Amino acid sequence: AIPSVSSVSGDGSTNTDGTEAITISGVNFGTSTSVVEVTIDDELCEIESVADDAIVCYPYPSAGQNLVVVVTVDGQSDADSVTWSFADPTVSDISFSNAPTAGGSVLTITGSNFGRAVGAVTIQPDIACTLKSGTWTHASIQCYLPAGHGQQTIEITTSAGVESSSGVTFNYNAPEVTSVTPRTGILTEGEQTLTISGSDFSTEEPCSN
């Protein structure tokens, strides 16, 4: 008889790292692990046990939503497409809450379900935080902050295009003035150049007064 899948546990809540087993319910799965194959988005789900109405397996570490689950028993596959999703990525913490406006600081982002393949980190609304090579894991990422100012939100996008379900904010440092030259002898009619020294002035076009 042709196998048929009715439901898959852990839909939308299973970690992307492949350490959580899921249960596929249905009929006509048999009892022999040697003739049963389960794929999720064409990636093998490592089988732990098989009963005629249930298969327990570990998804291949990945990420994504609405992935097609296929059960094949002795060469026969279920005809109905059942879809299943990994949990969305979530940012829980970052390594600092304030940063220089010039950018370049290495930011460590911790959380869960970032996926196995490299995705993207953005400083909202849509400025890339350049990834530090080799640091993308399911629970941690490092990137180089771009120049900026004000309060910003960190967002993770997995390789499958799924965006983080919660954002964590940080602040670029407020500007600080350390000196102004000249301090005396300024002409009242204007048109005289002042040099203002300090830090964290940002790189955007300044306002004029």
N, C-alpha and C. Protein backbone atom coordinates (compact mmCIF):
# COMPACT_ATOMS: atom_id res chain seq x y z
N ALA A 1 0.84 -1.19 0.00
CA ALA A 1 0.00 0.00 0.00
C ALA A 1 0.88 1.24 0.00
N ILE A 2 0.38 2.31 -0.59
CA ILE A 2 1.15 3.55 -0.67
C ILE A 2 1.08 4.28 0.67
N PRO A 3 2.22 4.74 1.18
CA PRO A 3 2.20 5.47 2.45
C PRO A 3 1.48 6.80 2.31
N SER A 4 0.89 7.26 3.40
CA SER A 4 0.17 8.53 3.39
C SER A 4 0.45 9.28 4.69
N VAL A 5 0.88 10.52 4.56
CA VAL A 5 1.20 11.36 5.73
C VAL A 5 -0.01 12.22 6.06
N SER A 6 -0.39 12.23 7.35
CA SER A 6 -1.52 13.05 7.79
C SER A 6 -1.07 14.29 8.56
N SER A 7 0.05 14.19 9.30
CA SER A 7 0.52 15.34 10.08
C SER A 7 1.98 15.15 10.45
N VAL A 8 2.63 16.26 10.79
CA VAL A 8 4.03 16.24 11.22
C VAL A 8 4.15 17.11 12.46
N SER A 9 4.72 16.58 13.52
CA SER A 9 4.84 17.33 14.77
C SER A 9 5.94 18.40 14.66
N GLY A 10 5.90 19.35 15.58
CA GLY A 10 6.94 20.38 15.65
C GLY A 10 6.90 21.39 14.53
N ASP A 11 5.77 21.49 13.85
CA ASP A 11 5.65 22.43 12.75
C ASP A 11 5.78 23.87 13.26
N GLY A 12 6.80 24.58 12.81
CA GLY A 12 7.02 25.97 13.23
C GLY A 12 7.71 26.13 14.56
N SER A 13 8.09 25.04 15.21
CA SER A 13 8.71 25.16 16.53
C SER A 13 9.98 24.34 16.69
N THR A 14 10.38 23.59 15.67
CA THR A 14 11.56 22.73 15.77
C THR A 14 12.83 23.50 15.46
N ASN A 15 13.84 23.32 16.30
CA ASN A 15 15.11 24.01 16.12
C ASN A 15 15.76 23.67 14.78
N THR A 16 16.51 24.63 14.25
CA THR A 16 17.17 24.43 12.96
C THR A 16 18.43 23.58 13.04
N ASP A 17 18.92 23.28 14.25
CA ASP A 17 20.20 22.59 14.39
C ASP A 17 20.12 21.07 14.26
N GLY A 18 18.93 20.52 14.05
CA GLY A 18 18.79 19.08 13.83
C GLY A 18 18.86 18.23 15.07
N THR A 19 18.75 18.83 16.25
CA THR A 19 18.86 18.05 17.50
C THR A 19 17.51 17.63 18.06
N GLU A 20 16.42 18.07 17.44
CA GLU A 20 15.09 17.73 17.92
C GLU A 20 14.40 16.77 16.95
N ALA A 21 13.88 15.69 17.48
CA ALA A 21 13.17 14.71 16.65
C ALA A 21 11.75 15.19 16.38
N ILE A 22 11.23 14.80 15.23
CA ILE A 22 9.83 15.07 14.90
C ILE A 22 9.13 13.73 14.65
N THR A 23 7.82 13.74 14.77
CA THR A 23 7.02 12.53 14.51
C THR A 23 6.11 12.77 13.32
N ILE A 24 6.22 11.89 12.35
CA ILE A 24 5.38 11.95 11.15
C ILE A 24 4.29 10.90 11.31
N SER A 25 3.05 11.35 11.33
CA SER A 25 1.92 10.45 11.53
C SER A 25 1.23 10.16 10.19
N GLY A 26 0.68 8.96 10.07
CA GLY A 26 -0.01 8.57 8.85
C GLY A 26 -0.31 7.09 8.85
N VAL A 27 -0.30 6.49 7.65
CA VAL A 27 -0.58 5.06 7.54
C VAL A 27 0.33 4.44 6.49
N ASN A 28 0.46 3.11 6.61
CA ASN A 28 1.19 2.30 5.63
C ASN A 28 2.68 2.61 5.57
N PHE A 29 3.27 2.85 6.75
CA PHE A 29 4.71 3.09 6.81
C PHE A 29 5.49 1.79 6.99
N GLY A 30 4.80 0.70 7.37
CA GLY A 30 5.50 -0.55 7.66
C GLY A 30 6.21 -0.47 9.00
N THR A 31 7.18 -1.35 9.19
CA THR A 31 7.92 -1.37 10.47
C THR A 31 9.42 -1.50 10.27
N SER A 32 9.88 -1.53 9.03
CA SER A 32 11.30 -1.73 8.76
C SER A 32 11.97 -0.41 8.37
N THR A 33 12.97 -0.01 9.16
CA THR A 33 13.68 1.24 8.86
C THR A 33 14.49 1.12 7.57
N SER A 34 14.81 -0.08 7.15
CA SER A 34 15.69 -0.26 5.99
C SER A 34 15.03 0.10 4.67
N VAL A 35 13.69 0.13 4.63
CA VAL A 35 13.00 0.43 3.37
C VAL A 35 12.26 1.76 3.41
N VAL A 36 12.44 2.52 4.51
CA VAL A 36 11.73 3.80 4.67
C VAL A 36 12.71 4.95 4.52
N GLU A 37 12.29 5.95 3.77
CA GLU A 37 13.09 7.17 3.61
C GLU A 37 12.17 8.38 3.79
N VAL A 38 12.65 9.35 4.55
CA VAL A 38 11.91 10.59 4.76
C VAL A 38 12.78 11.76 4.30
N THR A 39 12.21 12.62 3.47
CA THR A 39 12.93 13.83 3.08
C THR A 39 12.08 15.05 3.42
N ILE A 40 12.80 16.12 3.81
CA ILE A 40 12.18 17.42 4.04
C ILE A 40 12.91 18.41 3.17
N ASP A 41 12.22 18.96 2.19
CA ASP A 41 12.84 19.85 1.21
C ASP A 41 14.02 19.15 0.54
N ASP A 42 13.84 17.88 0.23
CA ASP A 42 14.84 17.04 -0.46
C ASP A 42 16.06 16.70 0.40
N GLU A 43 16.02 17.03 1.69
CA GLU A 43 17.10 16.66 2.61
C GLU A 43 16.62 15.50 3.48
N LEU A 44 17.48 14.50 3.70
CA LEU A 44 17.10 13.33 4.48
C LEU A 44 16.83 13.69 5.93
N CYS A 45 15.77 13.10 6.47
CA CYS A 45 15.44 13.18 7.88
C CYS A 45 15.92 11.86 8.50
N GLU A 46 16.88 11.95 9.42
CA GLU A 46 17.51 10.74 9.97
C GLU A 46 16.51 9.95 10.82
N ILE A 47 16.20 8.73 10.39
CA ILE A 47 15.15 7.94 11.02
C ILE A 47 15.64 7.29 12.31
N GLU A 48 14.84 7.46 13.36
CA GLU A 48 15.12 6.82 14.64
C GLU A 48 14.25 5.56 14.82
N SER A 49 12.97 5.65 14.44
CA SER A 49 12.09 4.49 14.59
C SER A 49 10.95 4.57 13.58
N VAL A 50 10.40 3.39 13.26
CA VAL A 50 9.30 3.30 12.31
C VAL A 50 8.23 2.37 12.86
N ALA A 51 7.00 2.88 12.85
CA ALA A 51 5.82 2.04 13.11
C ALA A 51 4.88 2.25 11.93
N ASP A 52 3.89 1.41 11.80
CA ASP A 52 3.02 1.50 10.63
C ASP A 52 2.30 2.84 10.52
N ASP A 53 2.09 3.49 11.69
CA ASP A 53 1.36 4.75 11.68
C ASP A 53 2.20 5.94 12.15
N ALA A 54 3.49 5.76 12.38
CA ALA A 54 4.32 6.87 12.88
C ALA A 54 5.79 6.63 12.59
N ILE A 55 6.47 7.68 12.19
CA ILE A 55 7.92 7.66 11.98
C ILE A 55 8.53 8.77 12.82
N VAL A 56 9.57 8.44 13.54
CA VAL A 56 10.32 9.43 14.31
C VAL A 56 11.66 9.66 13.62
N CYS A 57 11.98 10.92 13.31
CA CYS A 57 13.24 11.20 12.64
C CYS A 57 13.77 12.57 13.03
N TYR A 58 15.06 12.80 12.74
CA TYR A 58 15.73 14.07 13.03
C TYR A 58 15.95 14.83 11.73
N PRO A 59 15.35 16.01 11.57
CA PRO A 59 15.53 16.77 10.34
C PRO A 59 16.99 17.15 10.13
N TYR A 60 17.38 17.21 8.87
CA TYR A 60 18.71 17.70 8.54
C TYR A 60 18.80 19.17 8.94
N PRO A 61 19.92 19.60 9.57
CA PRO A 61 20.04 21.00 9.99
C PRO A 61 19.85 21.94 8.81
N SER A 62 18.88 22.81 8.92
CA SER A 62 18.57 23.71 7.83
C SER A 62 17.74 24.86 8.36
N ALA A 63 16.89 25.45 7.53
CA ALA A 63 15.97 26.52 7.92
C ALA A 63 14.93 26.65 6.83
N GLY A 64 13.83 27.32 7.15
CA GLY A 64 12.84 27.56 6.11
C GLY A 64 11.42 27.26 6.55
N GLN A 65 10.49 27.67 5.70
CA GLN A 65 9.07 27.47 5.95
C GLN A 65 8.41 26.75 4.78
N ASN A 66 7.32 26.07 5.10
CA ASN A 66 6.51 25.37 4.08
C ASN A 66 7.36 24.42 3.23
N LEU A 67 8.15 23.62 3.91
CA LEU A 67 9.01 22.64 3.24
C LEU A 67 8.23 21.35 3.03
N VAL A 68 8.38 20.76 1.88
CA VAL A 68 7.62 19.56 1.52
C VAL A 68 8.21 18.33 2.20
N VAL A 69 7.35 17.57 2.88
CA VAL A 69 7.74 16.32 3.55
C VAL A 69 7.27 15.15 2.70
N VAL A 70 8.20 14.25 2.38
CA VAL A 70 7.87 13.09 1.55
C VAL A 70 8.34 11.82 2.26
N VAL A 71 7.43 10.87 2.40
CA VAL A 71 7.76 9.55 2.95
C VAL A 71 7.74 8.54 1.81
N THR A 72 8.83 7.80 1.70
CA THR A 72 8.94 6.75 0.68
C THR A 72 9.14 5.41 1.38
N VAL A 73 8.31 4.44 1.05
CA VAL A 73 8.41 3.11 1.63
C VAL A 73 8.59 2.11 0.50
N ASP A 74 9.75 1.46 0.50
CA ASP A 74 10.05 0.44 -0.51
C ASP A 74 9.80 0.97 -1.92
N GLY A 75 10.21 2.21 -2.16
CA GLY A 75 10.11 2.81 -3.49
C GLY A 75 8.81 3.52 -3.80
N GLN A 76 7.83 3.42 -2.91
CA GLN A 76 6.54 4.08 -3.13
C GLN A 76 6.42 5.32 -2.23
N SER A 77 6.01 6.44 -2.82
CA SER A 77 5.91 7.69 -2.08
C SER A 77 4.48 8.15 -1.97
N ASP A 78 4.20 8.91 -0.89
CA ASP A 78 2.86 9.46 -0.73
C ASP A 78 2.60 10.51 -1.81
N ALA A 79 1.39 10.54 -2.32
CA ALA A 79 1.06 11.44 -3.41
C ALA A 79 0.71 12.84 -2.93
N ASP A 80 0.20 12.95 -1.70
CA ASP A 80 -0.21 14.25 -1.17
C ASP A 80 0.99 14.99 -0.58
N SER A 81 1.12 16.27 -0.91
CA SER A 81 2.22 17.09 -0.39
C SER A 81 1.83 17.66 0.99
N VAL A 82 2.62 17.31 1.99
CA VAL A 82 2.45 17.86 3.32
C VAL A 82 3.63 18.79 3.58
N THR A 83 3.36 20.00 4.04
CA THR A 83 4.45 20.96 4.28
C THR A 83 4.69 21.15 5.77
N TRP A 84 5.89 21.59 6.08
CA TRP A 84 6.34 21.70 7.48
C TRP A 84 7.39 22.79 7.55
N SER A 85 7.49 23.46 8.70
CA SER A 85 8.41 24.59 8.85
C SER A 85 9.29 24.45 10.07
N PHE A 86 10.55 24.91 9.93
CA PHE A 86 11.42 25.08 11.09
C PHE A 86 10.95 26.30 11.88
N ALA A 87 11.43 26.43 13.11
CA ALA A 87 11.14 27.61 13.92
C ALA A 87 11.80 28.85 13.29
N ASP A 88 11.17 30.00 13.47
CA ASP A 88 11.72 31.25 12.97
C ASP A 88 12.98 31.63 13.77
N PRO A 89 13.90 32.36 13.14
CA PRO A 89 15.08 32.83 13.88
C PRO A 89 14.68 33.87 14.93
N THR A 90 15.34 33.84 16.06
CA THR A 90 15.07 34.78 17.14
C THR A 90 16.38 35.35 17.68
N VAL A 91 16.46 36.65 17.78
CA VAL A 91 17.62 37.32 18.39
C VAL A 91 17.32 37.53 19.87
N SER A 92 18.20 37.04 20.75
CA SER A 92 17.96 37.18 22.18
C SER A 92 18.89 38.20 22.84
N ASP A 93 20.09 38.38 22.27
CA ASP A 93 21.03 39.30 22.91
C ASP A 93 22.10 39.72 21.91
N ILE A 94 22.76 40.85 22.21
CA ILE A 94 23.92 41.31 21.44
C ILE A 94 25.03 41.67 22.42
N SER A 95 26.26 41.76 21.90
CA SER A 95 27.42 41.87 22.78
C SER A 95 27.61 43.24 23.39
N PHE A 96 26.97 44.27 22.85
CA PHE A 96 27.04 45.60 23.47
C PHE A 96 25.80 46.39 23.07
N SER A 97 25.50 47.42 23.86
CA SER A 97 24.30 48.22 23.61
C SER A 97 24.61 49.59 23.03
N ASN A 98 25.90 49.96 23.02
CA ASN A 98 26.32 51.24 22.44
C ASN A 98 27.54 51.03 21.57
N ALA A 99 27.65 51.80 20.48
CA ALA A 99 28.77 51.63 19.56
C ALA A 99 29.14 52.96 18.92
N PRO A 100 30.40 53.12 18.52
CA PRO A 100 30.82 54.36 17.84
C PRO A 100 30.08 54.54 16.52
N THR A 101 29.79 55.79 16.17
CA THR A 101 29.06 56.07 14.93
C THR A 101 29.89 55.76 13.68
N ALA A 102 31.22 55.68 13.83
CA ALA A 102 32.08 55.42 12.68
C ALA A 102 31.94 54.01 12.15
N GLY A 103 31.35 53.11 12.96
CA GLY A 103 31.21 51.71 12.55
C GLY A 103 32.49 50.93 12.73
N GLY A 104 32.48 49.68 12.27
CA GLY A 104 33.66 48.83 12.32
C GLY A 104 33.74 47.93 13.53
N SER A 105 32.92 48.17 14.56
CA SER A 105 32.95 47.31 15.75
C SER A 105 32.39 45.93 15.40
N VAL A 106 32.97 44.90 16.00
CA VAL A 106 32.48 43.53 15.78
C VAL A 106 31.35 43.25 16.76
N LEU A 107 30.17 43.03 16.23
CA LEU A 107 28.98 42.76 17.02
C LEU A 107 28.72 41.25 17.05
N THR A 108 28.56 40.70 18.25
CA THR A 108 28.19 39.29 18.40
C THR A 108 26.69 39.21 18.71
N ILE A 109 25.98 38.47 17.89
CA ILE A 109 24.53 38.31 18.03
C ILE A 109 24.25 36.88 18.47
N THR A 110 23.51 36.73 19.55
CA THR A 110 23.15 35.39 20.01
C THR A 110 21.64 35.22 19.94
N GLY A 111 21.23 33.98 19.78
CA GLY A 111 19.81 33.67 19.67
C GLY A 111 19.61 32.23 19.31
N SER A 112 18.67 31.96 18.42
CA SER A 112 18.39 30.58 18.03
C SER A 112 17.81 30.53 16.63
N ASN A 113 17.99 29.38 16.01
CA ASN A 113 17.37 29.06 14.71
C ASN A 113 17.81 29.97 13.57
N PHE A 114 19.11 30.29 13.57
CA PHE A 114 19.65 31.10 12.47
C PHE A 114 19.89 30.24 11.21
N GLY A 115 19.88 28.93 11.37
CA GLY A 115 20.08 28.05 10.23
C GLY A 115 21.54 27.68 10.02
N ARG A 116 21.72 26.64 9.19
CA ARG A 116 23.08 26.15 8.91
C ARG A 116 23.79 27.01 7.87
N ALA A 117 23.09 27.38 6.82
CA ALA A 117 23.70 28.15 5.74
C ALA A 117 23.70 29.64 6.10
N VAL A 118 24.64 30.36 5.52
CA VAL A 118 24.81 31.78 5.82
C VAL A 118 23.65 32.60 5.25
N GLY A 119 23.07 33.43 6.09
CA GLY A 119 22.02 34.36 5.68
C GLY A 119 22.54 35.78 5.69
N ALA A 120 21.78 36.68 6.32
CA ALA A 120 22.18 38.09 6.33
C ALA A 120 21.78 38.74 7.65
N VAL A 121 22.54 39.76 8.03
CA VAL A 121 22.23 40.60 9.19
C VAL A 121 22.04 42.02 8.69
N THR A 122 20.95 42.65 9.09
CA THR A 122 20.72 44.03 8.68
C THR A 122 20.46 44.91 9.89
N ILE A 123 20.94 46.16 9.77
CA ILE A 123 20.60 47.20 10.72
C ILE A 123 19.46 47.95 10.08
N GLN A 124 18.30 47.93 10.71
CA GLN A 124 17.11 48.50 10.08
C GLN A 124 17.25 50.00 9.84
N PRO A 125 16.68 50.52 8.70
CA PRO A 125 15.72 49.78 7.88
C PRO A 125 16.34 48.76 6.92
N ASP A 126 17.51 49.01 6.39
CA ASP A 126 18.03 48.04 5.42
C ASP A 126 19.52 48.27 5.13
N ILE A 127 20.33 48.32 6.18
CA ILE A 127 21.77 48.52 6.02
C ILE A 127 22.47 47.23 6.45
N ALA A 128 23.31 46.70 5.59
CA ALA A 128 23.96 45.42 5.86
C ALA A 128 24.99 45.55 6.98
N CYS A 129 24.99 44.58 7.87
CA CYS A 129 26.07 44.42 8.85
C CYS A 129 26.95 43.31 8.28
N THR A 130 28.12 43.67 7.77
CA THR A 130 28.97 42.74 7.03
C THR A 130 29.41 41.58 7.92
N LEU A 131 29.14 40.36 7.47
CA LEU A 131 29.42 39.18 8.28
C LEU A 131 30.92 38.94 8.43
N LYS A 132 31.32 38.55 9.62
CA LYS A 132 32.69 38.11 9.86
C LYS A 132 32.80 36.66 9.40
N SER A 133 33.76 36.38 8.56
CA SER A 133 33.87 35.07 7.92
C SER A 133 33.92 33.93 8.93
N GLY A 134 33.13 32.90 8.66
CA GLY A 134 33.18 31.68 9.45
C GLY A 134 32.49 31.75 10.80
N THR A 135 31.70 32.81 11.05
CA THR A 135 31.10 32.95 12.39
C THR A 135 29.60 32.65 12.42
N TRP A 136 29.00 32.30 11.29
CA TRP A 136 27.55 32.03 11.27
C TRP A 136 27.27 30.63 11.79
N THR A 137 26.53 30.53 12.89
CA THR A 137 26.08 29.24 13.42
C THR A 137 24.58 29.33 13.70
N HIS A 138 24.01 28.23 14.17
CA HIS A 138 22.58 28.22 14.47
C HIS A 138 22.22 29.18 15.61
N ALA A 139 23.19 29.49 16.49
CA ALA A 139 22.88 30.28 17.68
C ALA A 139 23.74 31.51 17.87
N SER A 140 24.67 31.77 16.96
CA SER A 140 25.56 32.92 17.13
C SER A 140 26.08 33.41 15.79
N ILE A 141 26.21 34.73 15.66
CA ILE A 141 26.72 35.36 14.44
C ILE A 141 27.57 36.55 14.85
N GLN A 142 28.62 36.83 14.08
CA GLN A 142 29.39 38.05 14.27
C GLN A 142 29.40 38.86 12.98
N CYS A 143 29.30 40.18 13.12
CA CYS A 143 29.33 41.06 11.95
C CYS A 143 29.95 42.39 12.32
N TYR A 144 30.39 43.12 11.26
CA TYR A 144 31.02 44.42 11.45
C TYR A 144 29.95 45.51 11.28
N LEU A 145 29.74 46.29 12.33
CA LEU A 145 28.72 47.33 12.27
C LEU A 145 29.05 48.38 11.22
N PRO A 146 28.06 48.82 10.45
CA PRO A 146 28.27 49.94 9.54
C PRO A 146 28.25 51.25 10.32
N ALA A 147 28.67 52.32 9.68
CA ALA A 147 28.54 53.64 10.30
C ALA A 147 27.06 53.98 10.43
N GLY A 148 26.72 54.75 11.45
CA GLY A 148 25.32 55.11 11.64
C GLY A 148 25.14 56.04 12.82
N HIS A 149 23.89 56.23 13.21
CA HIS A 149 23.59 57.08 14.34
C HIS A 149 22.22 56.71 14.90
N GLY A 150 21.96 57.12 16.14
CA GLY A 150 20.67 56.89 16.75
C GLY A 150 20.44 55.46 17.21
N GLN A 151 19.18 55.15 17.50
CA GLN A 151 18.81 53.80 17.93
C GLN A 151 18.49 52.94 16.71
N GLN A 152 18.99 51.72 16.71
CA GLN A 152 18.81 50.84 15.56
C GLN A 152 18.37 49.45 16.02
N THR A 153 17.73 48.71 15.11
CA THR A 153 17.25 47.37 15.40
C THR A 153 18.02 46.35 14.57
N ILE A 154 18.41 45.26 15.21
CA ILE A 154 19.11 44.16 14.54
C ILE A 154 18.09 43.16 14.01
N GLU A 155 18.25 42.75 12.75
CA GLU A 155 17.35 41.74 12.18
C GLU A 155 18.16 40.67 11.46
N ILE A 156 17.78 39.42 11.67
CA ILE A 156 18.42 38.27 11.03
C ILE A 156 17.51 37.75 9.93
N THR A 157 18.08 37.44 8.77
CA THR A 157 17.35 36.77 7.71
C THR A 157 18.09 35.48 7.35
N THR A 158 17.42 34.35 7.46
CA THR A 158 18.07 33.08 7.17
C THR A 158 18.30 32.94 5.66
N SER A 159 19.08 31.92 5.31
CA SER A 159 19.35 31.66 3.89
C SER A 159 18.07 31.33 3.13
N ALA A 160 17.03 30.90 3.86
CA ALA A 160 15.74 30.58 3.24
C ALA A 160 14.83 31.80 3.15
N GLY A 161 15.33 32.97 3.59
CA GLY A 161 14.54 34.19 3.49
C GLY A 161 13.60 34.45 4.64
N VAL A 162 13.73 33.70 5.74
CA VAL A 162 12.87 33.89 6.90
C VAL A 162 13.49 34.92 7.83
N GLU A 163 12.74 35.95 8.20
CA GLU A 163 13.25 37.03 9.04
C GLU A 163 13.00 36.74 10.51
N SER A 164 13.87 37.30 11.35
CA SER A 164 13.76 37.10 12.80
C SER A 164 12.42 37.60 13.32
N SER A 165 11.87 36.87 14.28
CA SER A 165 10.55 37.20 14.81
C SER A 165 10.61 38.22 15.93
N SER A 166 11.80 38.54 16.42
CA SER A 166 11.94 39.56 17.45
C SER A 166 13.23 40.32 17.19
N GLY A 167 13.21 41.62 17.49
CA GLY A 167 14.38 42.45 17.24
C GLY A 167 14.98 42.97 18.53
N VAL A 168 16.29 43.14 18.54
CA VAL A 168 17.00 43.71 19.68
C VAL A 168 17.63 45.01 19.22
N THR A 169 17.50 46.07 20.03
CA THR A 169 18.00 47.38 19.63
C THR A 169 19.33 47.70 20.30
N PHE A 170 20.08 48.60 19.66
CA PHE A 170 21.28 49.17 20.27
C PHE A 170 21.34 50.63 19.85
N ASN A 171 22.24 51.38 20.50
CA ASN A 171 22.37 52.81 20.22
C ASN A 171 23.78 53.14 19.75
N TYR A 172 23.86 53.93 18.69
CA TYR A 172 25.14 54.54 18.37
C TYR A 172 25.39 55.64 19.40
N ASN A 173 26.66 55.88 19.70
CA ASN A 173 27.01 56.86 20.71
C ASN A 173 26.51 58.25 20.35
N ALA A 174 26.14 59.02 21.37
CA ALA A 174 25.76 60.42 21.16
C ALA A 174 27.01 61.23 20.83
N PRO A 175 26.87 62.27 20.01
CA PRO A 175 28.05 63.09 19.69
C PRO A 175 28.60 63.80 20.92
N GLU A 176 29.91 63.98 20.94
CA GLU A 176 30.56 64.68 22.05
C GLU A 176 31.55 65.69 21.49
N VAL A 177 31.42 66.94 21.89
CA VAL A 177 32.31 68.02 21.46
C VAL A 177 33.41 68.21 22.50
N THR A 178 34.67 68.18 22.03
CA THR A 178 35.81 68.38 22.94
C THR A 178 36.46 69.74 22.78
N SER A 179 36.34 70.35 21.58
CA SER A 179 36.93 71.68 21.40
C SER A 179 36.32 72.38 20.20
N VAL A 180 36.37 73.74 20.23
CA VAL A 180 35.93 74.57 19.13
C VAL A 180 37.00 75.63 18.89
N THR A 181 37.44 75.76 17.66
CA THR A 181 38.43 76.80 17.33
C THR A 181 37.99 77.56 16.08
N PRO A 182 38.19 78.88 16.07
CA PRO A 182 38.65 79.69 17.24
C PRO A 182 37.52 79.88 18.23
N ARG A 183 37.86 80.16 19.47
CA ARG A 183 36.86 80.38 20.51
C ARG A 183 36.61 81.86 20.74
N THR A 184 37.52 82.70 20.26
CA THR A 184 37.37 84.14 20.42
C THR A 184 37.66 84.82 19.09
N GLY A 185 37.30 86.06 18.99
CA GLY A 185 37.59 86.83 17.78
C GLY A 185 36.72 86.45 16.61
N ILE A 186 35.56 85.89 16.86
CA ILE A 186 34.67 85.47 15.78
C ILE A 186 33.91 86.67 15.24
N LEU A 187 33.92 86.83 13.94
CA LEU A 187 33.25 87.96 13.31
C LEU A 187 31.73 87.81 13.42
N THR A 188 31.06 88.92 13.76
CA THR A 188 29.61 88.85 13.97
C THR A 188 28.84 88.67 12.67
N GLU A 189 29.45 89.06 11.53
CA GLU A 189 28.73 88.93 10.28
C GLU A 189 28.81 87.53 9.68
N GLY A 190 29.46 86.62 10.36
CA GLY A 190 29.55 85.24 9.88
C GLY A 190 30.62 85.05 8.83
N GLU A 191 30.43 84.02 8.00
CA GLU A 191 31.37 83.66 6.95
C GLU A 191 32.77 83.41 7.49
N GLN A 192 32.84 82.81 8.65
CA GLN A 192 34.11 82.44 9.26
C GLN A 192 34.06 80.95 9.60
N THR A 193 35.14 80.26 9.32
CA THR A 193 35.17 78.81 9.52
C THR A 193 35.46 78.46 10.97
N LEU A 194 34.63 77.62 11.54
CA LEU A 194 34.86 77.06 12.86
C LEU A 194 35.24 75.59 12.71
N THR A 195 36.18 75.16 13.51
CA THR A 195 36.53 73.74 13.56
C THR A 195 36.05 73.16 14.88
N ILE A 196 35.14 72.20 14.77
CA ILE A 196 34.57 71.56 15.96
C ILE A 196 35.15 70.15 16.04
N SER A 197 35.83 69.86 17.13
CA SER A 197 36.46 68.55 17.31
C SER A 197 35.71 67.75 18.37
N GLY A 198 35.72 66.45 18.22
CA GLY A 198 35.05 65.58 19.18
C GLY A 198 34.95 64.17 18.65
N SER A 199 33.87 63.51 18.99
CA SER A 199 33.70 62.12 18.57
C SER A 199 32.23 61.84 18.30
N ASP A 200 32.01 60.79 17.50
CA ASP A 200 30.67 60.28 17.20
C ASP A 200 29.75 61.32 16.58
N PHE A 201 30.30 62.04 15.58
CA PHE A 201 29.50 63.01 14.85
C PHE A 201 28.71 62.37 13.71
N SER A 202 28.90 61.09 13.48
CA SER A 202 28.28 60.38 12.36
C SER A 202 28.93 60.84 11.05
N THR A 203 28.51 60.25 9.95
CA THR A 203 29.08 60.60 8.66
C THR A 203 28.05 61.19 7.71
N GLU A 204 26.83 61.41 8.20
CA GLU A 204 25.80 61.99 7.37
C GLU A 204 25.99 63.49 7.26
N GLU A 205 25.41 64.09 6.22
CA GLU A 205 25.51 65.52 5.98
C GLU A 205 24.98 66.28 7.19
N PRO A 206 25.80 67.18 7.76
CA PRO A 206 25.33 67.91 8.95
C PRO A 206 24.29 68.95 8.60
N CYS A 207 23.52 69.33 9.60
CA CYS A 207 22.56 70.39 9.38
C CYS A 207 23.26 71.74 9.51
N SER A 208 22.68 72.79 8.96
CA SER A 208 23.26 74.11 9.06
C SER A 208 22.32 75.03 9.80
N ASN A 209 22.87 76.06 10.37
CA ASN A 209 22.05 76.99 11.14
C ASN A 209 22.42 78.43 10.79
